[in-house]
Amino acid sequence: MMKPNLIALVIILGLAAMAATGPAQAEQSPHQFGLGAHYWTAVKSIDANNVDKNGFSYLLSYRYHYDWLGLEADVEWFQKGFGGAAKNVYQPQAYLILGKIIYAAAGIGGYYSDGELSDKPFYAFRAGLDLPLLGILHLDINANYRFEDWDDLSTEGKGISADTVTVGAAARLAF
């Protein structure tokens, strides 16, 4: 009997192969706009009160993708507790993308919480699948590694440099 993870991998690779070898479509616009969600977890153990170790975040995303090169701009929303923040945290972020259906990206972002923008950015690497479905719909499944520093988010997060790993998905419409 196949393990569920192996079955999921086979399905994802099958969808990617169908998308890559499917019939030629009319040229699509390079602009994509959509929504997504991530599950994140801190890489190392955090021994601090009121600091979440894992959770969900939600994002609004714009991507300009032309041939093998793309740019992405996102705003991600975390509930209070992320990095020890007493209020919600918003992360504006930008990525440089290399690839088409299978892609890699490098990015930078910041933290905005309680009316202040953090002085210290975070850096991220991403690997993902951007599956074109139903003409204008794209399903982006990705994994991210972020080099995070939560010093500016709260007094609870002082001195915590907790890298995070995220897995997520976004649905985008090409327009």
C-alpha atoms as a PDB file:
ATOM      1  CA  MET A   1       0.000   0.000   0.000  1.00  0.00           C
ATOM      2  CA  MET A   2       1.349   3.450  -0.973  1.00  0.00           C
ATOM      3  CA  LYS A   3       1.886   6.069   1.695  1.00  0.00           C
ATOM      4  CA  PRO A   4      -0.342   9.204   1.480  1.00  0.00           C
ATOM      5  CA  ASN A   5       2.692  11.473   0.915  1.00  0.00           C
ATOM      6  CA  LEU A   6       3.824   9.385  -2.035  1.00  0.00           C
ATOM      7  CA  ILE A   7       0.322   9.425  -3.535  1.00  0.00           C
ATOM      8  CA  ALA A   8       0.162  13.230  -3.179  1.00  0.00           C
ATOM      9  CA  LEU A   9       3.584  13.578  -4.840  1.00  0.00           C
ATOM     10  CA  VAL A  10       2.504  11.393  -7.774  1.00  0.00           C
ATOM     11  CA  ILE A  11      -0.694  13.447  -8.223  1.00  0.00           C
ATOM     12  CA  ILE A  12       1.221  16.765  -8.138  1.00  0.00           C
ATOM     13  CA  LEU A  13       3.834  15.525 -10.614  1.00  0.00           C
ATOM     14  CA  GLY A  14       1.057  14.201 -12.868  1.00  0.00           C
ATOM     15  CA  LEU A  15      -0.715  17.563 -12.863  1.00  0.00           C
ATOM     16  CA  ALA A  16       2.562  19.324 -13.631  1.00  0.00           C
ATOM     17  CA  ALA A  17       3.255  16.955 -16.532  1.00  0.00           C
ATOM     18  CA  MET A  18      -0.252  17.457 -17.953  1.00  0.00           C
ATOM     19  CA  ALA A  19       0.110  21.223 -17.696  1.00  0.00           C
ATOM     20  CA  ALA A  20       3.524  21.148 -19.352  1.00  0.00           C
ATOM     21  CA  THR A  21       2.467  18.891 -22.240  1.00  0.00           C
ATOM     22  CA  GLY A  22      -1.113  20.108 -22.669  1.00  0.00           C
ATOM     23  CA  PRO A  23      -2.420  21.699 -25.865  1.00  0.00           C
ATOM     24  CA  ALA A  24      -1.026  25.078 -26.803  1.00  0.00           C
ATOM     25  CA  GLN A  25      -3.138  27.838 -25.309  1.00  0.00           C
ATOM     26  CA  ALA A  26      -3.638  31.364 -26.460  1.00  0.00           C
ATOM     27  CA  GLU A  27      -0.914  33.604 -25.086  1.00  0.00           C
ATOM     28  CA  GLN A  28      -1.785  34.585 -21.535  1.00  0.00           C
ATOM     29  CA  SER A  29      -1.196  37.876 -19.855  1.00  0.00           C
ATOM     30  CA  PRO A  30       1.907  37.858 -17.639  1.00  0.00           C
ATOM     31  CA  HIS A  31      -0.089  39.479 -14.781  1.00  0.00           C
ATOM     32  CA  GLN A  32      -1.545  37.298 -12.004  1.00  0.00           C
ATOM     33  CA  PHE A  33      -3.476  38.361  -8.906  1.00  0.00           C
ATOM     34  CA  GLY A  34      -4.676  36.074  -6.111  1.00  0.00           C
ATOM     35  CA  LEU A  35      -5.059  34.888  -2.543  1.00  0.00           C
ATOM     36  CA  GLY A  36      -3.254  32.225  -0.553  1.00  0.00           C
ATOM     37  CA  ALA A  37      -2.482  30.664   2.793  1.00  0.00           C
ATOM     38  CA  HIS A  38       0.655  29.366   4.517  1.00  0.00           C
ATOM     39  CA  TYR A  39       1.281  27.087   7.454  1.00  0.00           C
ATOM     40  CA  TRP A  40       4.470  28.203   9.198  1.00  0.00           C
ATOM     41  CA  THR A  41       6.578  26.743  11.986  1.00  0.00           C
ATOM     42  CA  ALA A  42       9.732  27.902  13.743  1.00  0.00           C
ATOM     43  CA  VAL A  43      12.773  25.781  12.928  1.00  0.00           C
ATOM     44  CA  LYS A  44      14.151  25.791  16.470  1.00  0.00           C
ATOM     45  CA  SER A  45      12.477  25.554  19.856  1.00  0.00           C
ATOM     46  CA  ILE A  46      11.327  28.874  21.316  1.00  0.00           C
ATOM     47  CA  ASP A  47      11.250  29.251  25.086  1.00  0.00           C
ATOM     48  CA  ALA A  48       9.337  32.510  25.490  1.00  0.00           C
ATOM     49  CA  ASN A  49       5.847  33.352  26.699  1.00  0.00           C
ATOM     50  CA  ASN A  50       3.275  34.750  24.256  1.00  0.00           C
ATOM     51  CA  VAL A  51       5.358  33.801  21.210  1.00  0.00           C
ATOM     52  CA  ASP A  52       3.641  31.449  18.771  1.00  0.00           C
ATOM     53  CA  LYS A  53       5.795  28.588  17.536  1.00  0.00           C
ATOM     54  CA  ASN A  54       3.604  27.826  14.491  1.00  0.00           C
ATOM     55  CA  GLY A  55       0.378  28.908  12.848  1.00  0.00           C
ATOM     56  CA  PHE A  56      -1.406  29.980   9.692  1.00  0.00           C
ATOM     57  CA  SER A  57      -0.995  33.152   7.679  1.00  0.00           C
ATOM     58  CA  TYR A  58      -2.920  34.519   4.720  1.00  0.00           C
ATOM     59  CA  LEU A  59      -1.686  36.522   1.774  1.00  0.00           C
ATOM     60  CA  LEU A  60      -2.669  38.785  -1.069  1.00  0.00           C
ATOM     61  CA  SER A  61      -0.397  38.260  -4.061  1.00  0.00           C
ATOM     62  CA  TYR A  62       0.515  39.911  -7.372  1.00  0.00           C
ATOM     63  CA  ARG A  63       2.877  38.220  -9.826  1.00  0.00           C
ATOM     64  CA  TYR A  64       4.338  39.401 -13.113  1.00  0.00           C
ATOM     65  CA  HIS A  65       5.732  36.361 -14.893  1.00  0.00           C
ATOM     66  CA  TYR A  66       7.298  36.578 -18.331  1.00  0.00           C
ATOM     67  CA  ASP A  67       8.807  33.413 -19.785  1.00  0.00           C
ATOM     68  CA  TRP A  68      11.397  32.053 -17.269  1.00  0.00           C
ATOM     69  CA  LEU A  69      11.621  35.182 -15.116  1.00  0.00           C
ATOM     70  CA  GLY A  70       9.105  36.712 -12.734  1.00  0.00           C
ATOM     71  CA  LEU A  71       8.561  39.213  -9.941  1.00  0.00           C
ATOM     72  CA  GLU A  72       6.124  38.736  -7.084  1.00  0.00           C
ATOM     73  CA  ALA A  73       4.813  41.195  -4.506  1.00  0.00           C
ATOM     74  CA  ASP A  74       2.819  39.901  -1.516  1.00  0.00           C
ATOM     75  CA  VAL A  75       1.337  41.174   1.701  1.00  0.00           C
ATOM     76  CA  GLU A  76       1.030  38.402   4.285  1.00  0.00           C
ATOM     77  CA  TRP A  77      -1.118  38.669   7.427  1.00  0.00           C
ATOM     78  CA  PHE A  78      -0.281  36.942  10.738  1.00  0.00           C
ATOM     79  CA  GLN A  79      -2.474  37.007  13.840  1.00  0.00           C
ATOM     80  CA  LYS A  80      -1.103  38.441  17.066  1.00  0.00           C
ATOM     81  CA  GLY A  81       1.380  36.116  18.727  1.00  0.00           C
ATOM     82  CA  PHE A  82       3.613  35.798  15.650  1.00  0.00           C
ATOM     83  CA  GLY A  83       7.082  36.709  16.884  1.00  0.00           C
ATOM     84  CA  GLY A  84       5.501  37.716  20.192  1.00  0.00           C
ATOM     85  CA  ALA A  85       3.606  40.623  18.609  1.00  0.00           C
ATOM     86  CA  ALA A  86       0.699  41.994  20.683  1.00  0.00           C
ATOM     87  CA  LYS A  87      -1.187  42.937  17.482  1.00  0.00           C
ATOM     88  CA  ASN A  88      -1.552  41.532  13.976  1.00  0.00           C
ATOM     89  CA  VAL A  89       1.588  41.500  11.830  1.00  0.00           C
ATOM     90  CA  TYR A  90       1.675  42.379   8.124  1.00  0.00           C
ATOM     91  CA  GLN A  91       4.632  41.342   5.994  1.00  0.00           C
ATOM     92  CA  PRO A  92       5.152  43.185   2.716  1.00  0.00           C
ATOM     93  CA  GLN A  93       7.534  41.073   0.641  1.00  0.00           C
ATOM     94  CA  ALA A  94       9.012  40.784  -2.859  1.00  0.00           C
ATOM     95  CA  TYR A  95      10.476  37.815  -4.750  1.00  0.00           C
ATOM     96  CA  LEU A  96      12.555  37.300  -7.874  1.00  0.00           C
ATOM     97  CA  ILE A  97      11.361  34.095  -9.579  1.00  0.00           C
ATOM     98  CA  LEU A  98      13.285  31.809 -11.930  1.00  0.00           C
ATOM     99  CA  GLY A  99      11.390  29.072 -13.756  1.00  0.00           C
ATOM    100  CA  LYS A 100       7.955  28.328 -15.158  1.00  0.00           C
ATOM    101  CA  ILE A 101       5.924  25.441 -13.771  1.00  0.00           C
ATOM    102  CA  ILE A 102       8.705  24.341 -11.430  1.00  0.00           C
ATOM    103  CA  TYR A 103      10.366  27.442 -10.003  1.00  0.00           C
ATOM    104  CA  ALA A 104      12.761  28.808  -7.400  1.00  0.00           C
ATOM    105  CA  ALA A 105      12.656  32.261  -5.861  1.00  0.00           C
ATOM    106  CA  ALA A 106      14.610  34.512  -3.532  1.00  0.00           C
ATOM    107  CA  GLY A 107      12.965  37.312  -1.616  1.00  0.00           C
ATOM    108  CA  ILE A 108      13.060  40.001   1.021  1.00  0.00           C
ATOM    109  CA  GLY A 109      10.370  41.386   3.289  1.00  0.00           C
ATOM    110  CA  GLY A 110       9.643  43.323   6.428  1.00  0.00           C
ATOM    111  CA  TYR A 111       7.321  43.418   9.424  1.00  0.00           C
ATOM    112  CA  TYR A 112       4.601  45.992  10.052  1.00  0.00           C
ATOM    113  CA  SER A 113       2.807  45.799  13.413  1.00  0.00           C
ATOM    114  CA  ASP A 114       1.236  48.256  15.829  1.00  0.00           C
ATOM    115  CA  GLY A 115       1.867  51.206  13.497  1.00  0.00           C
ATOM    116  CA  GLU A 116       5.588  50.570  13.057  1.00  0.00           C
ATOM    117  CA  LEU A 117       7.755  49.065  10.330  1.00  0.00           C
ATOM    118  CA  SER A 118      10.618  46.910  11.576  1.00  0.00           C
ATOM    119  CA  ASP A 119      14.201  48.012  10.942  1.00  0.00           C
ATOM    120  CA  LYS A 120      15.326  44.448  10.226  1.00  0.00           C
ATOM    121  CA  PRO A 121      14.146  42.677   7.055  1.00  0.00           C
ATOM    122  CA  PHE A 122      13.753  38.940   6.599  1.00  0.00           C
ATOM    123  CA  TYR A 123      15.183  36.988   3.675  1.00  0.00           C
ATOM    124  CA  ALA A 124      13.525  33.994   2.054  1.00  0.00           C
ATOM    125  CA  PHE A 125      14.103  31.168  -0.408  1.00  0.00           C
ATOM    126  CA  ARG A 126      11.205  29.405  -2.101  1.00  0.00           C
ATOM    127  CA  ALA A 127      10.656  26.330  -4.259  1.00  0.00           C
ATOM    128  CA  GLY A 128       7.307  25.757  -5.871  1.00  0.00           C
ATOM    129  CA  LEU A 129       4.978  24.505  -8.566  1.00  0.00           C
ATOM    130  CA  ASP A 130       2.895  27.011 -10.532  1.00  0.00           C
ATOM    131  CA  LEU A 131       0.245  24.862 -12.195  1.00  0.00           C
ATOM    132  CA  PRO A 132      -1.838  26.526 -14.910  1.00  0.00           C
ATOM    133  CA  LEU A 133      -5.414  25.202 -14.604  1.00  0.00           C
ATOM    134  CA  LEU A 134      -8.556  26.073 -16.549  1.00  0.00           C
ATOM    135  CA  GLY A 135      -6.946  28.673 -18.772  1.00  0.00           C
ATOM    136  CA  ILE A 136      -6.564  31.728 -16.539  1.00  0.00           C
ATOM    137  CA  LEU A 137      -6.379  30.012 -13.122  1.00  0.00           C
ATOM    138  CA  HIS A 138      -2.975  29.201 -11.612  1.00  0.00           C
ATOM    139  CA  LEU A 139      -2.431  27.047  -8.518  1.00  0.00           C
ATOM    140  CA  ASP A 140       0.869  27.825  -6.796  1.00  0.00           C
ATOM    141  CA  ILE A 141       2.069  25.233  -4.268  1.00  0.00           C
ATOM    142  CA  ASN A 142       5.283  26.224  -2.495  1.00  0.00           C
ATOM    143  CA  ALA A 143       7.679  25.723   0.386  1.00  0.00           C
ATOM    144  CA  ASN A 144       9.676  28.584   1.910  1.00  0.00           C
ATOM    145  CA  TYR A 145      12.627  28.965   4.236  1.00  0.00           C
ATOM    146  CA  ARG A 146      12.792  32.365   5.942  1.00  0.00           C
ATOM    147  CA  PHE A 147      15.674  33.853   7.895  1.00  0.00           C
ATOM    148  CA  GLU A 148      13.696  35.783  10.545  1.00  0.00           C
ATOM    149  CA  ASP A 149      14.618  38.164  13.358  1.00  0.00           C
ATOM    150  CA  TRP A 150      11.724  39.027  15.685  1.00  0.00           C
ATOM    151  CA  ASP A 151      13.501  41.671  17.822  1.00  0.00           C
ATOM    152  CA  ASP A 152      11.261  44.543  16.681  1.00  0.00           C
ATOM    153  CA  LEU A 153       7.947  42.706  17.072  1.00  0.00           C
ATOM    154  CA  SER A 154       7.726  42.606  20.884  1.00  0.00           C
ATOM    155  CA  THR A 155       9.592  42.540  24.166  1.00  0.00           C
ATOM    156  CA  GLU A 156       8.824  38.784  24.341  1.00  0.00           C
ATOM    157  CA  GLY A 157      10.592  38.227  21.015  1.00  0.00           C
ATOM    158  CA  LYS A 158      13.790  40.084  21.956  1.00  0.00           C
ATOM    159  CA  GLY A 159      16.851  38.111  21.008  1.00  0.00           C
ATOM    160  CA  ILE A 160      14.832  35.507  19.110  1.00  0.00           C
ATOM    161  CA  SER A 161      16.195  34.790  15.674  1.00  0.00           C
ATOM    162  CA  ALA A 162      13.769  32.033  14.717  1.00  0.00           C
ATOM    163  CA  ASP A 163      14.045  30.940  11.124  1.00  0.00           C
ATOM    164  CA  THR A 164      10.760  29.572   9.827  1.00  0.00           C
ATOM    165  CA  VAL A 165       9.650  27.003   7.302  1.00  0.00           C
ATOM    166  CA  THR A 166       6.343  27.497   5.528  1.00  0.00           C
ATOM    167  CA  VAL A 167       4.284  25.409   3.155  1.00  0.00           C
ATOM    168  CA  GLY A 168       1.478  27.066   1.299  1.00  0.00           C
ATOM    169  CA  ALA A 169      -0.728  27.498  -1.701  1.00  0.00           C
ATOM    170  CA  ALA A 170      -2.134  30.415  -3.647  1.00  0.00           C
ATOM    171  CA  ALA A 171      -4.762  30.617  -6.350  1.00  0.00           C
ATOM    172  CA  ARG A 172      -4.108  33.362  -8.895  1.00  0.00           C
ATOM    173  CA  LEU A 173      -6.030  34.610 -11.911  1.00  0.00           C
ATOM    174  CA  ALA A 174      -4.132  35.769 -14.980  1.00  0.00           C
ATOM    175  CA  PHE A 175      -5.479  39.033 -16.376  1.00  0.00           C
END
